Amino acid sequence: VRRLQIKGRCLLKNSKPGQRLGRIDTRKDWDAVLMV
């Protein structure tokens, strides 16, 4: 079983490049991050 953090970003047509995702807590237990 793999534990996944999921981060998301909605990119609109007029979005600025370089938008950030939510913070990834490296102190918690997880195996991979999915960026949607």
ModelCIF file with pLDDT and N, C-alpha, C, O atoms, coordinates in Angstrom:
data_MODEL
#
_entry.id   MODEL 
#
_entity.id                         1 
_entity.type                       polymer 
_entity.pdbx_number_of_molecules   1 
#
_entity_poly.entity_id                      1 
_entity_poly.type                           'polypeptide(L)' 
_entity_poly.nstd_linkage                   no 
_entity_poly.nstd_monomer                   no 
_entity_poly.pdbx_seq_one_letter_code       VRRLQIKGRCLLKNSKPGQRLGRIDTRKDWDAVLMV 
_entity_poly.pdbx_seq_one_letter_code_can   VRRLQIKGRCLLKNSKPGQRLGRIDTRKDWDAVLMV 
_entity_poly.pdbx_strand_id                 A 
#
loop_
_entity_poly_seq.entity_id 
_entity_poly_seq.num 
_entity_poly_seq.mon_id 
_entity_poly_seq.hetero 
1 1  VAL n 
1 2  ARG n 
1 3  ARG n 
1 4  LEU n 
1 5  GLN n 
1 6  ILE n 
1 7  LYS n 
1 8  GLY n 
1 9  ARG n 
1 10 CYS n 
1 11 LEU n 
1 12 LEU n 
1 13 LYS n 
1 14 ASN n 
1 15 SER n 
1 16 LYS n 
1 17 PRO n 
1 18 GLY n 
1 19 GLN n 
1 20 ARG n 
1 21 LEU n 
1 22 GLY n 
1 23 ARG n 
1 24 ILE n 
1 25 ASP n 
1 26 THR n 
1 27 ARG n 
1 28 LYS n 
1 29 ASP n 
1 30 TRP n 
1 31 ASP n 
1 32 ALA n 
1 33 VAL n 
1 34 LEU n 
1 35 MET n 
1 36 VAL n 
#
_struct_asym.id          A 
_struct_asym.entity_id   1 
#
loop_
_ma_qa_metric.id 
_ma_qa_metric.mode 
_ma_qa_metric.name 
_ma_qa_metric.software_group_id 
_ma_qa_metric.type 
1 global pLDDT . pLDDT 
2 local  pLDDT . pLDDT 
#
_ma_qa_metric_global.metric_id      1 
_ma_qa_metric_global.metric_value   85.47 
_ma_qa_metric_global.model_id       1 
_ma_qa_metric_global.ordinal_id     1 
#
loop_
_ma_qa_metric_local.label_asym_id 
_ma_qa_metric_local.label_comp_id 
_ma_qa_metric_local.label_seq_id 
_ma_qa_metric_local.metric_id 
_ma_qa_metric_local.metric_value 
_ma_qa_metric_local.model_id 
_ma_qa_metric_local.ordinal_id 
A VAL 1  2 95.00 1 1  
A ARG 2  2 95.00 1 2  
A ARG 3  2 95.00 1 3  
A LEU 4  2 96.00 1 4  
A GLN 5  2 95.00 1 5  
A ILE 6  2 95.00 1 6  
A LYS 7  2 94.00 1 7  
A GLY 8  2 93.00 1 8  
A ARG 9  2 91.00 1 9  
A CYS 10 2 88.00 1 10 
A LEU 11 2 86.00 1 11 
A LEU 12 2 82.00 1 12 
A LYS 13 2 78.00 1 13 
A ASN 14 2 73.00 1 14 
A SER 15 2 68.00 1 15 
A LYS 16 2 66.00 1 16 
A PRO 17 2 65.00 1 17 
A GLY 18 2 63.00 1 18 
A GLN 19 2 66.00 1 19 
A ARG 20 2 68.00 1 20 
A LEU 21 2 72.00 1 21 
A GLY 22 2 76.00 1 22 
A ARG 23 2 82.00 1 23 
A ILE 24 2 86.00 1 24 
A ASP 25 2 84.00 1 25 
A THR 26 2 87.00 1 26 
A ARG 27 2 88.00 1 27 
A LYS 28 2 90.00 1 28 
A ASP 29 2 91.00 1 29 
A TRP 30 2 94.00 1 30 
A ASP 31 2 95.00 1 31 
A ALA 32 2 96.00 1 32 
A VAL 33 2 96.00 1 33 
A LEU 34 2 97.00 1 34 
A MET 35 2 95.00 1 35 
A VAL 36 2 96.00 1 36 
#
loop_
_atom_site.group_PDB 
_atom_site.id 
_atom_site.type_symbol 
_atom_site.label_atom_id 
_atom_site.label_alt_id 
_atom_site.label_comp_id 
_atom_site.label_asym_id 
_atom_site.label_entity_id 
_atom_site.label_seq_id 
_atom_site.pdbx_PDB_ins_code 
_atom_site.Cartn_x 
_atom_site.Cartn_y 
_atom_site.Cartn_z 
_atom_site.occupancy 
_atom_site.B_iso_or_equiv 
_atom_site.pdbx_formal_charge 
_atom_site.auth_seq_id 
_atom_site.auth_comp_id 
_atom_site.auth_asym_id 
_atom_site.auth_atom_id 
_atom_site.pdbx_PDB_model_num 
ATOM 1   N N  . VAL A 1 1  ? 0.850  -1.190 0.000   1.00 95.00 ? 1  VAL A N  1 
ATOM 2   C CA . VAL A 1 1  ? 0.000  0.000  0.000   1.00 95.00 ? 1  VAL A CA 1 
ATOM 3   C C  . VAL A 1 1  ? 0.885  1.239  0.000   1.00 95.00 ? 1  VAL A C  1 
ATOM 4   O O  . VAL A 1 1  ? 1.778  1.379  0.836   1.00 95.00 ? 1  VAL A O  1 
ATOM 5   N N  . ARG A 1 2  ? 0.626  2.134  -0.949  1.00 95.00 ? 2  ARG A N  1 
ATOM 6   C CA . ARG A 1 2  ? 1.358  3.397  -1.037  1.00 95.00 ? 2  ARG A CA 1 
ATOM 7   C C  . ARG A 1 2  ? 0.466  4.524  -0.542  1.00 95.00 ? 2  ARG A C  1 
ATOM 8   O O  . ARG A 1 2  ? -0.727 4.560  -0.842  1.00 95.00 ? 2  ARG A O  1 
ATOM 9   N N  . ARG A 1 3  ? 1.055  5.450  0.226   1.00 95.00 ? 3  ARG A N  1 
ATOM 10  C CA . ARG A 1 3  ? 0.340  6.604  0.770   1.00 95.00 ? 3  ARG A CA 1 
ATOM 11  C C  . ARG A 1 3  ? 0.648  7.829  -0.086  1.00 95.00 ? 3  ARG A C  1 
ATOM 12  O O  . ARG A 1 3  ? 1.811  8.157  -0.323  1.00 95.00 ? 3  ARG A O  1 
ATOM 13  N N  . LEU A 1 4  ? -0.406 8.502  -0.545  1.00 96.00 ? 4  LEU A N  1 
ATOM 14  C CA . LEU A 1 4  ? -0.258 9.596  -1.499  1.00 96.00 ? 4  LEU A CA 1 
ATOM 15  C C  . LEU A 1 4  ? -0.815 10.904 -0.960  1.00 96.00 ? 4  LEU A C  1 
ATOM 16  O O  . LEU A 1 4  ? -1.952 10.966 -0.492  1.00 96.00 ? 4  LEU A O  1 
ATOM 17  N N  . GLN A 1 5  ? 0.001  11.945 -1.032  1.00 95.00 ? 5  GLN A N  1 
ATOM 18  C CA . GLN A 1 5  ? -0.510 13.306 -0.825  1.00 95.00 ? 5  GLN A CA 1 
ATOM 19  C C  . GLN A 1 5  ? -1.026 13.753 -2.183  1.00 95.00 ? 5  GLN A C  1 
ATOM 20  O O  . GLN A 1 5  ? -0.447 13.412 -3.214  1.00 95.00 ? 5  GLN A O  1 
ATOM 21  N N  . ILE A 1 6  ? -2.111 14.513 -2.188  1.00 95.00 ? 6  ILE A N  1 
ATOM 22  C CA . ILE A 1 6  ? -2.663 15.027 -3.445  1.00 95.00 ? 6  ILE A CA 1 
ATOM 23  C C  . ILE A 1 6  ? -2.732 16.545 -3.350  1.00 95.00 ? 6  ILE A C  1 
ATOM 24  O O  . ILE A 1 6  ? -3.316 17.099 -2.419  1.00 95.00 ? 6  ILE A O  1 
ATOM 25  N N  . LYS A 1 7  ? -2.130 17.197 -4.323  1.00 94.00 ? 7  LYS A N  1 
ATOM 26  C CA . LYS A 1 7  ? -2.150 18.655 -4.412  1.00 94.00 ? 7  LYS A CA 1 
ATOM 27  C C  . LYS A 1 7  ? -2.810 19.029 -5.731  1.00 94.00 ? 7  LYS A C  1 
ATOM 28  O O  . LYS A 1 7  ? -2.623 18.341 -6.735  1.00 94.00 ? 7  LYS A O  1 
ATOM 29  N N  . GLY A 1 8  ? -3.577 20.106 -5.739  1.00 93.00 ? 8  GLY A N  1 
ATOM 30  C CA . GLY A 1 8  ? -4.274 20.506 -6.950  1.00 93.00 ? 8  GLY A CA 1 
ATOM 31  C C  . GLY A 1 8  ? -4.105 21.976 -7.253  1.00 93.00 ? 8  GLY A C  1 
ATOM 32  O O  . GLY A 1 8  ? -3.867 22.797 -6.366  1.00 93.00 ? 8  GLY A O  1 
ATOM 33  N N  . ARG A 1 9  ? -4.236 22.286 -8.527  1.00 91.00 ? 9  ARG A N  1 
ATOM 34  C CA . ARG A 1 9  ? -4.162 23.670 -8.987  1.00 91.00 ? 9  ARG A CA 1 
ATOM 35  C C  . ARG A 1 9  ? -5.078 23.802 -10.191 1.00 91.00 ? 9  ARG A C  1 
ATOM 36  O O  . ARG A 1 9  ? -4.989 23.024 -11.140 1.00 91.00 ? 9  ARG A O  1 
ATOM 37  N N  . CYS A 1 10 ? -5.962 24.797 -10.144 1.00 88.00 ? 10 CYS A N  1 
ATOM 38  C CA . CYS A 1 10 ? -6.851 25.093 -11.263 1.00 88.00 ? 10 CYS A CA 1 
ATOM 39  C C  . CYS A 1 10 ? -6.170 26.166 -12.113 1.00 88.00 ? 10 CYS A C  1 
ATOM 40  O O  . CYS A 1 10 ? -5.897 27.267 -11.635 1.00 88.00 ? 10 CYS A O  1 
ATOM 41  N N  . LEU A 1 11 ? -5.903 25.837 -13.358 1.00 86.00 ? 11 LEU A N  1 
ATOM 42  C CA . LEU A 1 11 ? -5.212 26.762 -14.257 1.00 86.00 ? 11 LEU A CA 1 
ATOM 43  C C  . LEU A 1 11 ? -6.210 27.354 -15.248 1.00 86.00 ? 11 LEU A C  1 
ATOM 44  O O  . LEU A 1 11 ? -6.670 26.674 -16.166 1.00 86.00 ? 11 LEU A O  1 
ATOM 45  N N  . LEU A 1 12 ? -6.530 28.608 -15.053 1.00 82.00 ? 12 LEU A N  1 
ATOM 46  C CA . LEU A 1 12 ? -7.441 29.297 -15.956 1.00 82.00 ? 12 LEU A CA 1 
ATOM 47  C C  . LEU A 1 12 ? -6.661 29.840 -17.145 1.00 82.00 ? 12 LEU A C  1 
ATOM 48  O O  . LEU A 1 12 ? -5.433 29.913 -17.106 1.00 82.00 ? 12 LEU A O  1 
ATOM 49  N N  . LYS A 1 13 ? -7.365 30.215 -18.187 1.00 78.00 ? 13 LYS A N  1 
ATOM 50  C CA . LYS A 1 13 ? -6.700 30.709 -19.401 1.00 78.00 ? 13 LYS A CA 1 
ATOM 51  C C  . LYS A 1 13 ? -5.833 31.940 -19.128 1.00 78.00 ? 13 LYS A C  1 
ATOM 52  O O  . LYS A 1 13 ? -4.807 32.132 -19.781 1.00 78.00 ? 13 LYS A O  1 
ATOM 53  N N  . ASN A 1 14 ? -6.236 32.766 -18.175 1.00 73.00 ? 14 ASN A N  1 
ATOM 54  C CA . ASN A 1 14 ? -5.472 33.980 -17.871 1.00 73.00 ? 14 ASN A CA 1 
ATOM 55  C C  . ASN A 1 14 ? -4.614 33.824 -16.615 1.00 73.00 ? 14 ASN A C  1 
ATOM 56  O O  . ASN A 1 14 ? -4.208 34.819 -16.015 1.00 73.00 ? 14 ASN A O  1 
ATOM 57  N N  . SER A 1 15 ? -4.335 32.575 -16.215 1.00 68.00 ? 15 SER A N  1 
ATOM 58  C CA . SER A 1 15 ? -3.538 32.333 -15.003 1.00 68.00 ? 15 SER A CA 1 
ATOM 59  C C  . SER A 1 15 ? -2.101 32.803 -15.188 1.00 68.00 ? 15 SER A C  1 
ATOM 60  O O  . SER A 1 15 ? -1.532 32.742 -16.278 1.00 68.00 ? 15 SER A O  1 
ATOM 61  N N  . LYS A 1 16 ? -1.547 33.268 -14.090 1.00 66.00 ? 16 LYS A N  1 
ATOM 62  C CA . LYS A 1 16 ? -0.141 33.644 -14.090 1.00 66.00 ? 16 LYS A CA 1 
ATOM 63  C C  . LYS A 1 16 ? 0.708  32.380 -14.051 1.00 66.00 ? 16 LYS A C  1 
ATOM 64  O O  . LYS A 1 16 ? 0.362  31.427 -13.352 1.00 66.00 ? 16 LYS A O  1 
ATOM 65  N N  . PRO A 1 17 ? 1.821  32.357 -14.798 1.00 65.00 ? 17 PRO A N  1 
ATOM 66  C CA . PRO A 1 17 ? 2.712  31.195 -14.704 1.00 65.00 ? 17 PRO A CA 1 
ATOM 67  C C  . PRO A 1 17 ? 3.361  31.150 -13.320 1.00 65.00 ? 17 PRO A C  1 
ATOM 68  O O  . PRO A 1 17 ? 3.517  32.179 -12.663 1.00 65.00 ? 17 PRO A O  1 
ATOM 69  N N  . GLY A 1 18 ? 3.724  29.984 -12.902 1.00 63.00 ? 18 GLY A N  1 
ATOM 70  C CA . GLY A 1 18 ? 4.432  29.851 -11.636 1.00 63.00 ? 18 GLY A CA 1 
ATOM 71  C C  . GLY A 1 18 ? 3.536  29.804 -10.418 1.00 63.00 ? 18 GLY A C  1 
ATOM 72  O O  . GLY A 1 18 ? 3.995  30.061 -9.305  1.00 63.00 ? 18 GLY A O  1 
ATOM 73  N N  . GLN A 1 19 ? 2.250  29.477 -10.607 1.00 66.00 ? 19 GLN A N  1 
ATOM 74  C CA . GLN A 1 19 ? 1.368  29.348 -9.447  1.00 66.00 ? 19 GLN A CA 1 
ATOM 75  C C  . GLN A 1 19 ? 1.897  28.265 -8.518  1.00 66.00 ? 19 GLN A C  1 
ATOM 76  O O  . GLN A 1 19 ? 2.487  27.283 -8.968  1.00 66.00 ? 19 GLN A O  1 
ATOM 77  N N  . ARG A 1 20 ? 1.685  28.448 -7.237  1.00 68.00 ? 20 ARG A N  1 
ATOM 78  C CA . ARG A 1 20 ? 2.193  27.502 -6.245  1.00 68.00 ? 20 ARG A CA 1 
ATOM 79  C C  . ARG A 1 20 ? 1.118  26.515 -5.828  1.00 68.00 ? 20 ARG A C  1 
ATOM 80  O O  . ARG A 1 20 ? -0.082 26.765 -5.940  1.00 68.00 ? 20 ARG A O  1 
ATOM 81  N N  . LEU A 1 21 ? 1.605  25.380 -5.342  1.00 72.00 ? 21 LEU A N  1 
ATOM 82  C CA . LEU A 1 21 ? 0.722  24.368 -4.766  1.00 72.00 ? 21 LEU A CA 1 
ATOM 83  C C  . LEU A 1 21 ? 0.728  24.521 -3.255  1.00 72.00 ? 21 LEU A C  1 
ATOM 84  O O  . LEU A 1 21 ? 1.538  25.261 -2.696  1.00 72.00 ? 21 LEU A O  1 
ATOM 85  N N  . GLY A 1 22 ? -0.181 23.817 -2.603  1.00 76.00 ? 22 GLY A N  1 
ATOM 86  C CA . GLY A 1 22 ? -0.194 23.807 -1.151  1.00 76.00 ? 22 GLY A CA 1 
ATOM 87  C C  . GLY A 1 22 ? 1.085  23.196 -0.604  1.00 76.00 ? 22 GLY A C  1 
ATOM 88  O O  . GLY A 1 22 ? 1.805  22.492 -1.312  1.00 76.00 ? 22 GLY A O  1 
ATOM 89  N N  . ARG A 1 23 ? 1.357  23.472 0.650   1.00 82.00 ? 23 ARG A N  1 
ATOM 90  C CA . ARG A 1 23 ? 2.565  23.006 1.323   1.00 82.00 ? 23 ARG A CA 1 
ATOM 91  C C  . ARG A 1 23 ? 2.576  21.489 1.432   1.00 82.00 ? 23 ARG A C  1 
ATOM 92  O O  . ARG A 1 23 ? 1.553  20.874 1.732   1.00 82.00 ? 23 ARG A O  1 
ATOM 93  N N  . ILE A 1 24 ? 3.731  20.890 1.189   1.00 86.00 ? 24 ILE A N  1 
ATOM 94  C CA . ILE A 1 24 ? 3.945  19.455 1.369   1.00 86.00 ? 24 ILE A CA 1 
ATOM 95  C C  . ILE A 1 24 ? 4.639  19.277 2.709   1.00 86.00 ? 24 ILE A C  1 
ATOM 96  O O  . ILE A 1 24 ? 5.767  19.734 2.895   1.00 86.00 ? 24 ILE A O  1 
ATOM 97  N N  . ASP A 1 25 ? 3.970  18.617 3.635   1.00 84.00 ? 25 ASP A N  1 
ATOM 98  C CA . ASP A 1 25 ? 4.513  18.432 4.980   1.00 84.00 ? 25 ASP A CA 1 
ATOM 99  C C  . ASP A 1 25 ? 5.483  17.248 4.972   1.00 84.00 ? 25 ASP A C  1 
ATOM 100 O O  . ASP A 1 25 ? 5.064  16.090 4.950   1.00 84.00 ? 25 ASP A O  1 
ATOM 101 N N  . THR A 1 26 ? 6.750  17.544 4.988   1.00 87.00 ? 26 THR A N  1 
ATOM 102 C CA . THR A 1 26 ? 7.773  16.492 4.911   1.00 87.00 ? 26 THR A CA 1 
ATOM 103 C C  . THR A 1 26 ? 7.948  15.749 6.222   1.00 87.00 ? 26 THR A C  1 
ATOM 104 O O  . THR A 1 26 ? 8.647  14.736 6.261   1.00 87.00 ? 26 THR A O  1 
ATOM 105 N N  . ARG A 1 27 ? 7.329  16.225 7.300   1.00 88.00 ? 27 ARG A N  1 
ATOM 106 C CA . ARG A 1 27 ? 7.437  15.535 8.592   1.00 88.00 ? 27 ARG A CA 1 
ATOM 107 C C  . ARG A 1 27 ? 6.452  14.385 8.723   1.00 88.00 ? 27 ARG A C  1 
ATOM 108 O O  . ARG A 1 27 ? 6.602  13.537 9.602   1.00 88.00 ? 27 ARG A O  1 
ATOM 109 N N  . LYS A 1 28 ? 5.452  14.346 7.863   1.00 90.00 ? 28 LYS A N  1 
ATOM 110 C CA . LYS A 1 28 ? 4.429  13.302 7.913   1.00 90.00 ? 28 LYS A CA 1 
ATOM 111 C C  . LYS A 1 28 ? 4.854  12.095 7.076   1.00 90.00 ? 28 LYS A C  1 
ATOM 112 O O  . LYS A 1 28 ? 5.759  12.179 6.246   1.00 90.00 ? 28 LYS A O  1 
ATOM 113 N N  . ASP A 1 29 ? 4.176  10.975 7.316   1.00 91.00 ? 29 ASP A N  1 
ATOM 114 C CA . ASP A 1 29 ? 4.455  9.757  6.548   1.00 91.00 ? 29 ASP A CA 1 
ATOM 115 C C  . ASP A 1 29 ? 3.634  9.739  5.267   1.00 91.00 ? 29 ASP A C  1 
ATOM 116 O O  . ASP A 1 29 ? 2.406  9.815  5.307   1.00 91.00 ? 29 ASP A O  1 
ATOM 117 N N  . TRP A 1 30 ? 4.312  9.638  4.138   1.00 94.00 ? 30 TRP A N  1 
ATOM 118 C CA . TRP A 1 30 ? 3.697  9.489  2.826   1.00 94.00 ? 30 TRP A CA 1 
ATOM 119 C C  . TRP A 1 30 ? 4.763  8.956  1.882   1.00 94.00 ? 30 TRP A C  1 
ATOM 120 O O  . TRP A 1 30 ? 5.958  9.072  2.157   1.00 94.00 ? 30 TRP A O  1 
ATOM 121 N N  . ASP A 1 31 ? 4.334  8.378  0.779   1.00 95.00 ? 31 ASP A N  1 
ATOM 122 C CA . ASP A 1 31 ? 5.263  7.747  -0.160  1.00 95.00 ? 31 ASP A CA 1 
ATOM 123 C C  . ASP A 1 31 ? 5.469  8.549  -1.442  1.00 95.00 ? 31 ASP A C  1 
ATOM 124 O O  . ASP A 1 31 ? 6.546  8.507  -2.036  1.00 95.00 ? 31 ASP A O  1 
ATOM 125 N N  . ALA A 1 32 ? 4.435  9.281  -1.871  1.00 96.00 ? 32 ALA A N  1 
ATOM 126 C CA . ALA A 1 32 ? 4.529  10.054 -3.107  1.00 96.00 ? 32 ALA A CA 1 
ATOM 127 C C  . ALA A 1 32 ? 3.509  11.182 -3.071  1.00 96.00 ? 32 ALA A C  1 
ATOM 128 O O  . ALA A 1 32 ? 2.563  11.167 -2.282  1.00 96.00 ? 32 ALA A O  1 
ATOM 129 N N  . VAL A 1 33 ? 3.725  12.166 -3.950  1.00 96.00 ? 33 VAL A N  1 
ATOM 130 C CA . VAL A 1 33 ? 2.802  13.292 -4.099  1.00 96.00 ? 33 VAL A CA 1 
ATOM 131 C C  . VAL A 1 33 ? 2.243  13.257 -5.507  1.00 96.00 ? 33 VAL A C  1 
ATOM 132 O O  . VAL A 1 33 ? 2.979  13.059 -6.473  1.00 96.00 ? 33 VAL A O  1 
ATOM 133 N N  . LEU A 1 34 ? 0.935  13.452 -5.620  1.00 97.00 ? 34 LEU A N  1 
ATOM 134 C CA . LEU A 1 34 ? 0.294  13.611 -6.919  1.00 97.00 ? 34 LEU A CA 1 
ATOM 135 C C  . LEU A 1 34 ? -0.051 15.081 -7.094  1.00 97.00 ? 34 LEU A C  1 
ATOM 136 O O  . LEU A 1 34 ? -0.659 15.686 -6.211  1.00 97.00 ? 34 LEU A O  1 
ATOM 137 N N  . MET A 1 35 ? 0.330  15.658 -8.218  1.00 95.00 ? 35 MET A N  1 
ATOM 138 C CA . MET A 1 35 ? -0.037 17.029 -8.542  1.00 95.00 ? 35 MET A CA 1 
ATOM 139 C C  . MET A 1 35 ? -1.078 16.954 -9.656  1.00 95.00 ? 35 MET A C  1 
ATOM 140 O O  . MET A 1 35 ? -0.790 16.508 -10.767 1.00 95.00 ? 35 MET A O  1 
ATOM 141 N N  . VAL A 1 36 ? -2.289 17.399 -9.336  1.00 96.00 ? 36 VAL A N  1 
ATOM 142 C CA . VAL A 1 36 ? -3.401 17.345 -10.277 1.00 96.00 ? 36 VAL A CA 1 
ATOM 143 C C  . VAL A 1 36 ? -3.639 18.751 -10.825 1.00 96.00 ? 36 VAL A C  1 
ATOM 144 O O  . VAL A 1 36 ? -4.537 18.950 -11.643 1.00 96.00 ? 36 VAL A O  1 
#
